[in-house]
Amino acid sequence: MTHEMNFGNPISVAPLRSTQIGQAFPLVREVAPILMFEQWIRIASPLTREDKFDRRGILAATVASGHLYGLCLYRVEPLKSPKPLVAHYLAAFGIGQQAPVARSLVAAIDSLAFRLGCEIIQTSVASSQRSVRACLEAAGHRIRQVEFSKYIGDAEDNQMPARYTDLSWLEQWHRGDDISSAAKRG
């Protein structure tokens, strides 16, 4: 789906290409600041390979120049009922231009879920992504649960130390493990 941004650039949403993985890293760091580049490569590389069943991937919102303005990781969990399309790290960027990017991403996710026969869409959005949350609500998505986080450690340190970080659930995306089961075990 394409939307027109205020400055005249159409936004298109399509699967992230392997050649865009490095370009997407700064966007990912905005919503996952502790993620290291090597981890991102391990996660994104398998998700940019063609999946003929469209069970998982990364959607990227770009403008005609090729610059990325938004993205989300998604996967279908066909063995759950109702069958969900799970979209994580849904994020839109661009100073003053986040709403059109967010609308494009939300419309693409809705369309993908419908095309894949999903019965529900589950999204997670960083609290800083207010425009994405507003676009989700405008498109009929509703808050079902709220997740809280608390950093434990040195209050002077703005970055959560790696020893307090468990990104194993994110790294499971490329293997297709059931994230909710892993979180319950962890």
Protein backbone atom coordinates (compact mmCIF):
# COMPACT_ATOMS: atom_id res chain seq x y z
CA MET A 1 0.00 0.00 0.00
CA THR A 2 1.25 3.48 -0.87
CA HIS A 3 0.61 6.74 0.99
CA GLU A 4 1.80 10.24 0.11
CA MET A 5 3.97 11.99 2.69
CA ASN A 6 3.62 15.75 3.21
CA PHE A 7 6.84 16.43 1.33
CA GLY A 8 5.63 14.47 -1.72
CA ASN A 9 7.40 11.14 -1.29
CA PRO A 10 5.16 8.10 -1.66
CA ILE A 11 5.62 5.46 1.03
CA SER A 12 5.63 1.84 -0.04
CA VAL A 13 5.72 -1.20 2.21
CA ALA A 14 7.42 -4.38 1.03
CA PRO A 15 9.56 -7.18 2.45
CA LEU A 16 12.97 -5.99 3.62
CA ARG A 17 15.68 -7.08 1.17
CA SER A 18 18.93 -8.59 2.41
CA THR A 19 20.77 -5.57 0.98
CA GLN A 20 18.77 -3.32 3.35
CA ILE A 21 19.66 -5.12 6.60
CA GLY A 22 22.45 -2.70 7.49
CA GLN A 23 20.32 0.30 6.57
CA ALA A 24 17.54 -0.94 8.88
CA PHE A 25 19.82 -1.31 11.91
CA PRO A 26 19.54 2.32 13.14
CA LEU A 27 15.74 2.01 13.07
CA VAL A 28 15.86 -1.24 15.03
CA ARG A 29 18.17 0.34 17.60
CA GLU A 30 15.56 3.02 18.28
CA VAL A 31 13.17 0.38 19.63
CA ALA A 32 15.78 -2.15 20.82
CA PRO A 33 18.75 -0.02 21.93
CA ILE A 34 20.72 -2.91 23.41
CA LEU A 35 20.65 -4.98 20.23
CA MET A 36 24.13 -5.36 18.74
CA PHE A 37 24.74 -5.26 14.98
CA GLU A 38 25.89 -8.89 14.91
CA GLN A 39 22.67 -9.97 16.64
CA TRP A 40 20.61 -7.98 14.14
CA ILE A 41 22.41 -9.69 11.24
CA ARG A 42 21.69 -13.14 12.76
CA ILE A 43 18.03 -12.25 13.24
CA ALA A 44 17.37 -10.38 9.99
CA SER A 45 19.29 -12.52 7.49
CA PRO A 46 16.97 -15.54 7.64
CA LEU A 47 13.93 -13.25 7.67
CA THR A 48 14.92 -11.61 4.39
CA ARG A 49 15.14 -14.91 2.54
CA GLU A 50 12.08 -15.71 0.48
CA ASP A 51 9.51 -17.70 2.42
CA LYS A 52 7.07 -19.08 -0.14
CA PHE A 53 4.45 -19.49 2.59
CA ASP A 54 4.92 -15.93 3.94
CA ARG A 55 5.10 -17.31 7.48
CA ARG A 56 7.70 -14.80 8.64
CA GLY A 57 9.63 -11.80 7.48
CA ILE A 58 10.33 -8.13 7.91
CA LEU A 59 8.16 -5.43 6.37
CA ALA A 60 9.92 -2.18 5.49
CA ALA A 61 8.36 1.20 4.71
CA THR A 62 10.46 3.11 2.19
CA VAL A 63 10.21 6.26 0.10
CA ALA A 64 11.11 6.53 -3.60
CA SER A 65 14.72 7.40 -2.75
CA GLY A 66 15.06 4.03 -1.01
CA HIS A 67 15.38 5.45 2.50
CA LEU A 68 13.73 3.38 5.22
CA TYR A 69 11.18 5.09 7.44
CA GLY A 70 9.59 2.16 9.22
CA LEU A 71 9.63 -1.58 9.77
CA CYS A 72 8.24 -4.52 11.65
CA LEU A 73 9.11 -8.17 12.11
CA TYR A 74 6.22 -10.55 11.61
CA ARG A 75 5.40 -14.22 11.73
CA VAL A 76 2.35 -16.42 11.51
CA GLU A 77 1.78 -18.99 14.22
CA PRO A 78 -0.45 -21.50 12.40
CA LEU A 79 -0.72 -23.99 15.25
CA LYS A 80 -2.36 -21.51 17.63
CA SER A 81 -6.06 -20.83 17.69
CA PRO A 82 -7.17 -18.29 16.70
CA LYS A 83 -4.39 -18.21 14.07
CA PRO A 84 -2.38 -15.02 14.77
CA LEU A 85 -0.13 -12.82 12.72
CA VAL A 86 2.37 -11.57 15.31
CA ALA A 87 4.09 -8.27 14.50
CA HIS A 88 6.95 -7.10 16.73
CA TYR A 89 9.04 -3.95 16.64
CA LEU A 90 6.40 -2.10 14.64
CA ALA A 91 8.05 1.31 14.33
CA ALA A 92 7.70 4.44 12.20
CA PHE A 93 10.29 7.20 11.92
CA GLY A 94 10.74 10.57 10.22
CA ILE A 95 10.57 13.89 11.99
CA GLY A 96 6.96 15.04 11.75
CA GLN A 97 6.18 12.30 9.22
CA GLN A 98 5.57 9.28 11.45
CA ALA A 99 1.78 9.11 11.02
CA PRO A 100 1.80 8.44 7.24
CA VAL A 101 4.52 5.81 7.72
CA ALA A 102 2.61 4.21 10.58
CA ARG A 103 -0.63 4.17 8.55
CA SER A 104 1.19 2.45 5.68
CA LEU A 105 2.68 -0.20 7.97
CA VAL A 106 -0.60 -0.88 9.77
CA ALA A 107 -2.45 -1.18 6.45
CA ALA A 108 0.23 -3.58 5.16
CA ILE A 109 0.00 -5.75 8.30
CA ASP A 110 -3.80 -5.85 8.10
CA SER A 111 -3.64 -6.79 4.42
CA LEU A 112 -1.00 -9.47 5.02
CA ALA A 113 -3.01 -11.01 7.87
CA PHE A 114 -6.13 -11.15 5.70
CA ARG A 115 -4.21 -12.66 2.76
CA LEU A 116 -2.66 -15.34 5.00
CA GLY A 117 -5.97 -16.31 6.59
CA CYS A 118 -5.03 -15.11 10.06
CA GLU A 119 -7.85 -14.60 12.53
CA ILE A 120 -6.13 -12.13 14.83
CA ILE A 121 -3.23 -9.70 14.71
CA GLN A 122 -1.01 -9.31 17.77
CA THR A 123 1.41 -6.40 17.81
CA SER A 124 3.98 -5.05 20.18
CA VAL A 125 4.95 -1.42 19.95
CA ALA A 126 7.57 0.54 21.89
CA SER A 127 5.99 3.14 24.18
CA SER A 128 7.88 5.84 22.25
CA GLN A 129 5.95 4.96 19.08
CA ARG A 130 2.85 7.05 19.83
CA SER A 131 1.95 7.57 16.16
CA VAL A 132 2.01 3.81 15.55
CA ARG A 133 -0.23 3.19 18.56
CA ALA A 134 -2.68 5.86 17.33
CA CYS A 135 -2.75 4.35 13.82
CA LEU A 136 -3.33 0.86 15.22
CA GLU A 137 -6.26 2.11 17.28
CA ALA A 138 -7.67 4.04 14.30
CA ALA A 139 -7.51 0.81 12.25
CA GLY A 140 -9.52 -1.11 14.87
CA HIS A 141 -6.71 -2.71 16.88
CA ARG A 142 -7.33 -2.71 20.63
CA ILE A 143 -5.07 -3.07 23.66
CA ARG A 144 -5.46 -6.54 25.10
CA GLN A 145 -2.62 -6.51 27.58
CA VAL A 146 -0.01 -4.07 28.82
CA GLU A 147 3.59 -5.03 29.46
CA PHE A 148 5.76 -3.18 31.96
CA SER A 149 9.54 -3.15 32.20
CA LYS A 150 11.89 -2.09 34.95
CA TYR A 151 15.64 -1.76 34.52
CA ILE A 152 17.59 -3.29 37.38
CA GLY A 153 21.09 -2.02 37.91
CA ASP A 154 23.02 1.23 38.03
CA ALA A 155 20.58 4.17 37.92
CA GLU A 156 23.31 6.32 36.35
CA ASP A 157 23.54 3.99 33.37
CA ASN A 158 21.02 4.84 30.64
CA GLN A 159 21.74 1.60 28.80
CA MET A 160 20.61 -1.62 30.42
CA PRO A 161 23.76 -3.70 30.96
CA ALA A 162 24.08 -6.77 28.78
CA ARG A 163 24.18 -9.07 31.81
CA TYR A 164 20.54 -8.10 32.52
CA THR A 165 19.42 -8.63 28.96
CA ASP A 166 17.76 -11.70 27.54
CA LEU A 167 17.35 -11.34 23.79
CA SER A 168 17.00 -15.09 23.24
CA TRP A 169 13.32 -14.70 22.37
CA LEU A 170 14.23 -12.28 19.56
CA GLU A 171 16.91 -14.59 18.22
CA GLN A 172 14.29 -17.37 18.07
CA TRP A 173 12.52 -15.52 15.25
CA HIS A 174 14.85 -16.96 12.65
CA ARG A 175 14.29 -20.50 13.96
CA GLY A 176 10.52 -20.09 14.18
CA ASP A 177 10.37 -21.18 17.84
CA ASP A 178 7.21 -20.42 19.78
CA ILE A 179 8.20 -17.23 21.59
CA SER A 180 5.39 -17.29 24.13
CA SER A 181 6.37 -20.79 25.29
CA ALA A 182 10.03 -19.79 25.56
CA ALA A 183 9.11 -16.72 27.62
CA LYS A 184 7.08 -18.85 30.02
CA ARG A 185 9.99 -21.26 30.48
CA GLY A 186 12.58 -18.49 30.83
